[in-house]
Amino acid sequence: MYLQIVLVAMIAGLLIPIYEVWKTDNTWQLMLALGSISSKVSIIILVISVVRDDWMIGVVAAIILSLGNAGFMLLAHVIRRLNDGSY
């Protein structure tokens, strides 16, 4: 019962950056919102892996959590520099 409430709250929190992605045209804000979505989804996957006692899924979620956002931020910085013309 408590797990279902926690998962519904996590998914509700996931809708906030999805709304931000939907309404913005700024590339930098778009990439930050996508990074936030990546973090939230990996935490949801970690919770599910602990409940199912499946540590292989947890390892994948930890890799996404640690490396996924770094890739998004690097890509956002490259796109920002290309748009500024300072390359």
Protein backbone atom coordinates (compact mmCIF):
# COMPACT_ATOMS: atom_id res chain seq x y z
CA MET A 1 0.00 0.00 0.00
CA TYR A 2 2.71 2.47 0.99
CA LEU A 3 4.80 1.54 -2.02
CA GLN A 4 1.95 2.37 -4.37
CA ILE A 5 1.52 5.79 -2.74
CA VAL A 6 5.25 6.46 -3.04
CA LEU A 7 5.31 5.43 -6.71
CA VAL A 8 2.29 7.59 -7.54
CA ALA A 9 3.95 10.55 -5.80
CA MET A 10 7.17 9.94 -7.73
CA ILE A 11 5.31 9.78 -11.03
CA ALA A 12 3.42 12.97 -10.12
CA GLY A 13 6.78 14.64 -9.46
CA LEU A 14 7.94 13.42 -12.85
CA LEU A 15 5.14 15.34 -14.56
CA ILE A 16 6.58 18.73 -13.52
CA PRO A 17 9.70 18.60 -15.76
CA ILE A 18 7.64 16.99 -18.54
CA TYR A 19 5.38 20.06 -18.48
CA GLU A 20 8.47 22.29 -18.55
CA VAL A 21 9.79 20.46 -21.62
CA TRP A 22 6.43 20.85 -23.32
CA LYS A 23 6.16 24.62 -22.85
CA THR A 24 9.75 25.87 -23.32
CA ASP A 25 11.66 26.78 -26.46
CA ASN A 26 14.97 27.46 -24.71
CA THR A 27 17.45 24.65 -25.43
CA TRP A 28 19.27 25.07 -22.11
CA GLN A 29 16.06 24.75 -20.07
CA LEU A 30 14.98 21.83 -22.24
CA MET A 31 18.18 19.92 -21.55
CA LEU A 32 18.00 20.68 -17.82
CA ALA A 33 14.42 19.43 -17.68
CA LEU A 34 15.40 16.25 -19.55
CA GLY A 35 18.25 15.75 -17.06
CA SER A 36 15.74 16.10 -14.24
CA ILE A 37 13.49 13.52 -15.90
CA SER A 38 16.47 11.17 -16.18
CA SER A 39 17.23 11.52 -12.47
CA LYS A 40 13.66 10.95 -11.40
CA VAL A 41 13.20 7.90 -13.64
CA SER A 42 16.44 6.32 -12.37
CA ILE A 43 15.34 6.84 -8.75
CA ILE A 44 11.97 5.23 -9.56
CA ILE A 45 13.85 2.29 -11.11
CA LEU A 46 16.02 2.03 -7.96
CA VAL A 47 12.92 1.88 -5.75
CA ILE A 48 11.37 -0.81 -7.92
CA SER A 49 14.61 -2.83 -7.95
CA VAL A 50 14.82 -2.74 -4.15
CA VAL A 51 11.21 -3.87 -3.82
CA ARG A 52 11.70 -6.70 -6.31
CA ASP A 53 15.11 -7.55 -4.79
CA ASP A 54 16.63 -7.45 -8.28
CA TRP A 55 20.04 -5.84 -8.01
CA MET A 56 20.84 -6.06 -11.72
CA ILE A 57 18.12 -3.52 -12.42
CA GLY A 58 19.48 -1.44 -9.54
CA VAL A 59 22.95 -1.42 -11.06
CA VAL A 60 21.54 -0.16 -14.36
CA ALA A 61 19.62 2.57 -12.52
CA ALA A 62 22.76 3.59 -10.63
CA ILE A 63 24.69 3.86 -13.89
CA ILE A 64 21.92 5.96 -15.43
CA LEU A 65 21.85 8.14 -12.33
CA SER A 66 25.60 8.73 -12.26
CA LEU A 67 26.44 8.99 -15.95
CA GLY A 68 23.19 9.98 -17.64
CA ASN A 69 23.02 13.51 -16.26
CA ALA A 70 26.65 14.21 -17.04
CA GLY A 71 26.03 13.40 -20.69
CA PHE A 72 22.96 15.63 -20.79
CA MET A 73 24.78 18.55 -19.22
CA LEU A 74 27.75 18.17 -21.55
CA LEU A 75 25.46 18.08 -24.58
CA ALA A 76 23.52 21.11 -23.33
CA HIS A 77 26.76 23.04 -22.86
CA VAL A 78 27.95 22.16 -26.37
CA ILE A 79 24.61 23.21 -27.90
CA ARG A 80 24.67 26.46 -25.91
CA ARG A 81 28.16 27.31 -27.10
CA LEU A 82 27.20 26.55 -30.70
CA ASN A 83 24.16 28.83 -30.44
CA ASP A 84 26.25 31.63 -28.91
CA GLY A 85 28.76 31.38 -31.73
CA SER A 86 31.69 31.04 -29.32
CA TYR A 87 33.20 27.85 -30.66
